[in-house]
Amino acid sequence: MPDMNAPRLTADTLFHGRIGAWAGWFLGSVAALDLMAMMVLTFLDVSGRKLFASPIYGAYEVTEFMMGLLIFSALPLVTAREGHVTIDIMDHFVPTAAMKTQRVVVSLLSAVVLGIIAWRLWIMSGSHLRTNEVTMTLHIPHGPFTRTFAVMAALATLACLAVAWDYVRGVRVARDMSHGVGSGT
């Protein structure tokens, strides 16, 4: 039975406490502003191309980095909310009593995978920073972006560990997800 006096995660919280709330708000804001900027850039680029036969120079490269920023800034939030796409074809075979254990195991496995992604991105970013790798058209350096992506993957790893810990402590309750029920806590 979950502890009703335990702090609850809200939709914009990354972890429990003020730091988690601030991090959730910040990452959500970054993702939202980045998405809005991508839409504006794409609209202006397509409009310029179709109406004036003059697309925005380098818009493709900028959009690539913006897409990466969108994905990696949202990753810790989606992870903390358990909002990833899941395949529930076998969920009805899992006994209700085993759901908590299943979620802990899945969260720990996800933490391992995300940790490996963070580690490899960190190594790649080090290489990018050492060699000053840049894009072909606008000469945008890759290093700061891949370093940011590595940090965001590490935050998602911590979010997985926090989710697993919440299940172990009984703060988070495993719900039956096989009937289209959302996973908000």
C-alpha atoms as a PDB file:
ATOM      1  CA  MET A   1       0.000   0.000   0.000  1.00  0.00           C
ATOM      2  CA  PRO A   2       1.498   3.369  -0.968  1.00  0.00           C
ATOM      3  CA  ASP A   3       2.308   5.907   1.710  1.00  0.00           C
ATOM      4  CA  MET A   4      -0.321   8.630   1.323  1.00  0.00           C
ATOM      5  CA  ASN A   5       1.887  11.151   3.149  1.00  0.00           C
ATOM      6  CA  ALA A   6       4.775  10.640   0.718  1.00  0.00           C
ATOM      7  CA  PRO A   7       5.498  13.510  -1.670  1.00  0.00           C
ATOM      8  CA  ARG A   8       3.749  13.052  -4.993  1.00  0.00           C
ATOM      9  CA  LEU A   9       5.293  13.618  -8.379  1.00  0.00           C
ATOM     10  CA  THR A  10       3.431  16.126 -10.478  1.00  0.00           C
ATOM     11  CA  ALA A  11       3.346  16.198 -14.263  1.00  0.00           C
ATOM     12  CA  ASP A  12       6.235  18.674 -14.420  1.00  0.00           C
ATOM     13  CA  THR A  13       8.470  17.098 -11.755  1.00  0.00           C
ATOM     14  CA  LEU A  14      11.615  15.189 -12.637  1.00  0.00           C
ATOM     15  CA  PHE A  15      12.437  13.968  -9.117  1.00  0.00           C
ATOM     16  CA  HIS A  16      10.985  14.540  -5.654  1.00  0.00           C
ATOM     17  CA  GLY A  17      11.725  17.895  -4.060  1.00  0.00           C
ATOM     18  CA  ARG A  18      12.438  21.412  -5.242  1.00  0.00           C
ATOM     19  CA  ILE A  19      15.390  20.475  -7.420  1.00  0.00           C
ATOM     20  CA  GLY A  20      13.274  17.896  -9.235  1.00  0.00           C
ATOM     21  CA  ALA A  21      10.450  20.383  -9.701  1.00  0.00           C
ATOM     22  CA  TRP A  22      12.848  23.031 -10.993  1.00  0.00           C
ATOM     23  CA  ALA A  23      14.606  20.553 -13.314  1.00  0.00           C
ATOM     24  CA  GLY A  24      11.251  19.354 -14.643  1.00  0.00           C
ATOM     25  CA  TRP A  25      10.074  22.903 -15.275  1.00  0.00           C
ATOM     26  CA  PHE A  26      13.366  23.850 -16.931  1.00  0.00           C
ATOM     27  CA  LEU A  27      13.532  20.794 -19.208  1.00  0.00           C
ATOM     28  CA  GLY A  28       9.856  21.117 -20.106  1.00  0.00           C
ATOM     29  CA  SER A  29      10.390  24.772 -20.971  1.00  0.00           C
ATOM     30  CA  VAL A  30      13.470  23.980 -23.070  1.00  0.00           C
ATOM     31  CA  ALA A  31      11.557  21.276 -24.953  1.00  0.00           C
ATOM     32  CA  ALA A  32       8.542  23.537 -25.523  1.00  0.00           C
ATOM     33  CA  LEU A  33      10.608  26.525 -26.680  1.00  0.00           C
ATOM     34  CA  ASP A  34      12.729  24.298 -28.905  1.00  0.00           C
ATOM     35  CA  LEU A  35       9.649  22.766 -30.509  1.00  0.00           C
ATOM     36  CA  MET A  36       8.148  26.204 -31.087  1.00  0.00           C
ATOM     37  CA  ALA A  37      11.407  27.461 -32.625  1.00  0.00           C
ATOM     38  CA  MET A  38      11.556  24.376 -34.878  1.00  0.00           C
ATOM     39  CA  MET A  39       8.016  25.046 -36.084  1.00  0.00           C
ATOM     40  CA  VAL A  40       8.788  28.704 -36.808  1.00  0.00           C
ATOM     41  CA  LEU A  41      12.045  27.844 -38.583  1.00  0.00           C
ATOM     42  CA  THR A  42      10.361  25.151 -40.674  1.00  0.00           C
ATOM     43  CA  PHE A  43       7.456  27.467 -41.553  1.00  0.00           C
ATOM     44  CA  LEU A  44       9.811  30.276 -42.598  1.00  0.00           C
ATOM     45  CA  ASP A  45      12.079  27.894 -44.508  1.00  0.00           C
ATOM     46  CA  VAL A  46       9.219  26.288 -46.453  1.00  0.00           C
ATOM     47  CA  SER A  47       7.532  29.652 -47.028  1.00  0.00           C
ATOM     48  CA  GLY A  48      10.777  31.142 -48.275  1.00  0.00           C
ATOM     49  CA  ARG A  49      11.360  28.184 -50.557  1.00  0.00           C
ATOM     50  CA  LYS A  50       7.834  28.068 -52.013  1.00  0.00           C
ATOM     51  CA  LEU A  51       6.958  31.777 -52.145  1.00  0.00           C
ATOM     52  CA  PHE A  52      10.312  33.411 -52.834  1.00  0.00           C
ATOM     53  CA  ALA A  53      12.465  30.529 -54.103  1.00  0.00           C
ATOM     54  CA  SER A  54      14.841  31.389 -51.270  1.00  0.00           C
ATOM     55  CA  PRO A  55      15.018  28.892 -48.390  1.00  0.00           C
ATOM     56  CA  ILE A  56      16.807  29.749 -45.151  1.00  0.00           C
ATOM     57  CA  TYR A  57      20.492  28.945 -45.571  1.00  0.00           C
ATOM     58  CA  GLY A  58      21.504  26.097 -43.241  1.00  0.00           C
ATOM     59  CA  ALA A  59      18.002  25.504 -41.859  1.00  0.00           C
ATOM     60  CA  TYR A  60      18.452  21.754 -42.260  1.00  0.00           C
ATOM     61  CA  GLU A  61      21.525  21.705 -40.000  1.00  0.00           C
ATOM     62  CA  VAL A  62      19.879  23.890 -37.376  1.00  0.00           C
ATOM     63  CA  THR A  63      16.769  21.688 -37.436  1.00  0.00           C
ATOM     64  CA  GLU A  64      18.905  18.580 -36.883  1.00  0.00           C
ATOM     65  CA  PHE A  65      20.408  20.042 -33.700  1.00  0.00           C
ATOM     66  CA  MET A  66      17.028  21.319 -32.558  1.00  0.00           C
ATOM     67  CA  MET A  67      15.544  17.840 -33.012  1.00  0.00           C
ATOM     68  CA  GLY A  68      18.305  16.336 -30.886  1.00  0.00           C
ATOM     69  CA  LEU A  69      17.772  18.977 -28.223  1.00  0.00           C
ATOM     70  CA  LEU A  70      14.022  18.301 -28.241  1.00  0.00           C
ATOM     71  CA  ILE A  71      14.485  14.548 -27.864  1.00  0.00           C
ATOM     72  CA  PHE A  72      17.140  14.692 -25.174  1.00  0.00           C
ATOM     73  CA  SER A  73      15.520  17.494 -23.140  1.00  0.00           C
ATOM     74  CA  ALA A  74      12.229  15.571 -23.053  1.00  0.00           C
ATOM     75  CA  LEU A  75      13.844  12.174 -22.370  1.00  0.00           C
ATOM     76  CA  PRO A  76      14.324  12.635 -18.600  1.00  0.00           C
ATOM     77  CA  LEU A  77      10.754  13.932 -18.212  1.00  0.00           C
ATOM     78  CA  VAL A  78       9.189  11.100 -20.206  1.00  0.00           C
ATOM     79  CA  THR A  79      11.285   8.622 -18.243  1.00  0.00           C
ATOM     80  CA  ALA A  80      10.300  10.070 -14.857  1.00  0.00           C
ATOM     81  CA  ARG A  81       6.616   9.920 -15.858  1.00  0.00           C
ATOM     82  CA  GLU A  82       6.968   6.409 -17.285  1.00  0.00           C
ATOM     83  CA  GLY A  83       5.570   7.823 -20.499  1.00  0.00           C
ATOM     84  CA  HIS A  84       7.587   5.765 -22.975  1.00  0.00           C
ATOM     85  CA  VAL A  85       5.773   3.751 -25.586  1.00  0.00           C
ATOM     86  CA  THR A  86       5.273   0.251 -24.225  1.00  0.00           C
ATOM     87  CA  ILE A  87       4.213  -3.037 -25.732  1.00  0.00           C
ATOM     88  CA  ASP A  88       1.618  -4.592 -23.481  1.00  0.00           C
ATOM     89  CA  ILE A  89       0.971  -7.820 -25.369  1.00  0.00           C
ATOM     90  CA  MET A  90       2.176  -9.887 -22.390  1.00  0.00           C
ATOM     91  CA  ASP A  91       0.896  -7.652 -19.561  1.00  0.00           C
ATOM     92  CA  HIS A  92      -2.271  -9.640 -19.012  1.00  0.00           C
ATOM     93  CA  PHE A  93      -0.084 -12.687 -18.171  1.00  0.00           C
ATOM     94  CA  VAL A  94       1.731 -10.830 -15.384  1.00  0.00           C
ATOM     95  CA  PRO A  95       0.020 -11.385 -12.041  1.00  0.00           C
ATOM     96  CA  THR A  96      -0.966  -8.214 -10.218  1.00  0.00           C
ATOM     97  CA  ALA A  97       1.359  -9.133  -7.346  1.00  0.00           C
ATOM     98  CA  ALA A  98       4.334  -9.258  -9.757  1.00  0.00           C
ATOM     99  CA  MET A  99       3.684  -5.902 -11.469  1.00  0.00           C
ATOM    100  CA  LYS A 100       5.754  -3.974  -8.943  1.00  0.00           C
ATOM    101  CA  THR A 101       8.720  -6.325  -9.433  1.00  0.00           C
ATOM    102  CA  GLN A 102       8.300  -6.135 -13.205  1.00  0.00           C
ATOM    103  CA  ARG A 103       8.395  -2.320 -13.109  1.00  0.00           C
ATOM    104  CA  VAL A 104      11.480  -2.310 -10.872  1.00  0.00           C
ATOM    105  CA  VAL A 105      13.314  -4.714 -13.198  1.00  0.00           C
ATOM    106  CA  VAL A 106      12.288  -2.764 -16.319  1.00  0.00           C
ATOM    107  CA  SER A 107      13.345   0.530 -14.720  1.00  0.00           C
ATOM    108  CA  LEU A 108      16.720  -0.903 -13.729  1.00  0.00           C
ATOM    109  CA  LEU A 109      17.302  -2.366 -17.204  1.00  0.00           C
ATOM    110  CA  SER A 110      16.322   0.973 -18.739  1.00  0.00           C
ATOM    111  CA  ALA A 111      18.758   2.713 -16.391  1.00  0.00           C
ATOM    112  CA  VAL A 112      21.560   0.436 -17.595  1.00  0.00           C
ATOM    113  CA  VAL A 113      20.764   1.100 -21.268  1.00  0.00           C
ATOM    114  CA  LEU A 114      20.424   4.852 -20.752  1.00  0.00           C
ATOM    115  CA  GLY A 115      23.632   4.853 -18.711  1.00  0.00           C
ATOM    116  CA  ILE A 116      25.470   3.207 -21.615  1.00  0.00           C
ATOM    117  CA  ILE A 117      23.990   5.771 -24.019  1.00  0.00           C
ATOM    118  CA  ALA A 118      25.089   8.615 -21.714  1.00  0.00           C
ATOM    119  CA  TRP A 119      28.570   7.148 -21.378  1.00  0.00           C
ATOM    120  CA  ARG A 120      29.020   6.693 -25.144  1.00  0.00           C
ATOM    121  CA  LEU A 121      27.663  10.180 -25.870  1.00  0.00           C
ATOM    122  CA  TRP A 122      30.102  11.605 -23.303  1.00  0.00           C
ATOM    123  CA  ILE A 123      33.000   9.875 -25.052  1.00  0.00           C
ATOM    124  CA  MET A 124      31.747  11.049 -28.458  1.00  0.00           C
ATOM    125  CA  SER A 125      31.383  14.612 -27.200  1.00  0.00           C
ATOM    126  CA  GLY A 126      34.955  14.515 -25.908  1.00  0.00           C
ATOM    127  CA  SER A 127      36.110  13.523 -29.373  1.00  0.00           C
ATOM    128  CA  HIS A 128      33.995  16.255 -30.953  1.00  0.00           C
ATOM    129  CA  LEU A 129      35.418  18.850 -28.565  1.00  0.00           C
ATOM    130  CA  ARG A 130      39.023  17.719 -29.118  1.00  0.00           C
ATOM    131  CA  THR A 131      38.776  17.688 -32.916  1.00  0.00           C
ATOM    132  CA  ASN A 132      36.517  20.758 -33.157  1.00  0.00           C
ATOM    133  CA  GLU A 133      34.106  18.864 -35.405  1.00  0.00           C
ATOM    134  CA  VAL A 134      31.602  21.207 -37.079  1.00  0.00           C
ATOM    135  CA  THR A 135      28.746  20.981 -39.545  1.00  0.00           C
ATOM    136  CA  MET A 136      29.484  21.400 -43.230  1.00  0.00           C
ATOM    137  CA  THR A 137      27.331  24.429 -44.045  1.00  0.00           C
ATOM    138  CA  LEU A 138      27.142  26.660 -40.976  1.00  0.00           C
ATOM    139  CA  HIS A 139      30.195  25.289 -39.137  1.00  0.00           C
ATOM    140  CA  ILE A 140      28.197  24.693 -35.949  1.00  0.00           C
ATOM    141  CA  PRO A 141      30.357  22.770 -33.450  1.00  0.00           C
ATOM    142  CA  HIS A 142      29.064  19.290 -32.565  1.00  0.00           C
ATOM    143  CA  GLY A 143      30.802  19.068 -29.181  1.00  0.00           C
ATOM    144  CA  PRO A 144      28.528  21.260 -27.036  1.00  0.00           C
ATOM    145  CA  PHE A 145      25.442  19.510 -28.392  1.00  0.00           C
ATOM    146  CA  THR A 146      26.681  15.955 -27.885  1.00  0.00           C
ATOM    147  CA  ARG A 147      27.881  16.906 -24.387  1.00  0.00           C
ATOM    148  CA  THR A 148      24.405  18.279 -23.598  1.00  0.00           C
ATOM    149  CA  PHE A 149      22.810  15.112 -24.983  1.00  0.00           C
ATOM    150  CA  ALA A 150      25.099  13.009 -22.751  1.00  0.00           C
ATOM    151  CA  VAL A 151      24.047  14.976 -19.670  1.00  0.00           C
ATOM    152  CA  MET A 152      20.358  14.626 -20.568  1.00  0.00           C
ATOM    153  CA  ALA A 153      20.777  10.857 -21.050  1.00  0.00           C
ATOM    154  CA  ALA A 154      22.477  10.720 -17.631  1.00  0.00           C
ATOM    155  CA  LEU A 155      19.509  12.594 -16.123  1.00  0.00           C
ATOM    156  CA  ALA A 156      17.173  10.071 -17.738  1.00  0.00           C
ATOM    157  CA  THR A 157      19.287   7.321 -16.164  1.00  0.00           C
ATOM    158  CA  LEU A 158      18.824   8.942 -12.761  1.00  0.00           C
ATOM    159  CA  ALA A 159      15.097   9.250 -13.463  1.00  0.00           C
ATOM    160  CA  CYS A 160      14.933   5.482 -14.138  1.00  0.00           C
ATOM    161  CA  LEU A 161      16.708   4.792 -10.871  1.00  0.00           C
ATOM    162  CA  ALA A 162      14.331   7.148  -9.048  1.00  0.00           C
ATOM    163  CA  VAL A 163      11.329   5.357 -10.579  1.00  0.00           C
ATOM    164  CA  ALA A 164      12.707   1.971  -9.490  1.00  0.00           C
ATOM    165  CA  TRP A 165      13.388   3.328  -5.994  1.00  0.00           C
ATOM    166  CA  ASP A 166       9.853   4.745  -5.787  1.00  0.00           C
ATOM    167  CA  TYR A 167       8.431   1.300  -6.610  1.00  0.00           C
ATOM    168  CA  VAL A 168      10.652  -0.350  -4.009  1.00  0.00           C
ATOM    169  CA  ARG A 169       9.577   2.193  -1.337  1.00  0.00           C
ATOM    170  CA  GLY A 170       5.918   1.885  -2.303  1.00  0.00           C
ATOM    171  CA  VAL A 171       5.593   5.540  -3.317  1.00  0.00           C
ATOM    172  CA  ARG A 172       4.702   4.551  -6.880  1.00  0.00           C
ATOM    173  CA  VAL A 173       2.012   1.990  -7.556  1.00  0.00           C
ATOM    174  CA  ALA A 174       2.186  -0.365 -10.525  1.00  0.00           C
ATOM    175  CA  ARG A 175      -1.003   0.031 -12.495  1.00  0.00           C
ATOM    176  CA  ASP A 176      -2.490  -2.272 -15.067  1.00  0.00           C
ATOM    177  CA  MET A 177      -1.495  -0.625 -18.345  1.00  0.00           C
ATOM    178  CA  SER A 178      -3.204  -3.128 -20.630  1.00  0.00           C
ATOM    179  CA  HIS A 179      -6.462  -1.209 -20.896  1.00  0.00           C
ATOM    180  CA  GLY A 180      -5.152   2.092 -22.236  1.00  0.00           C
ATOM    181  CA  VAL A 181      -4.867   3.672 -18.794  1.00  0.00           C
ATOM    182  CA  GLY A 182      -2.235   6.415 -18.587  1.00  0.00           C
ATOM    183  CA  SER A 183       0.709   6.128 -16.258  1.00  0.00           C
ATOM    184  CA  GLY A 184       0.654   9.486 -14.497  1.00  0.00           C
ATOM    185  CA  THR A 185       1.444   9.468 -10.804  1.00  0.00           C
END
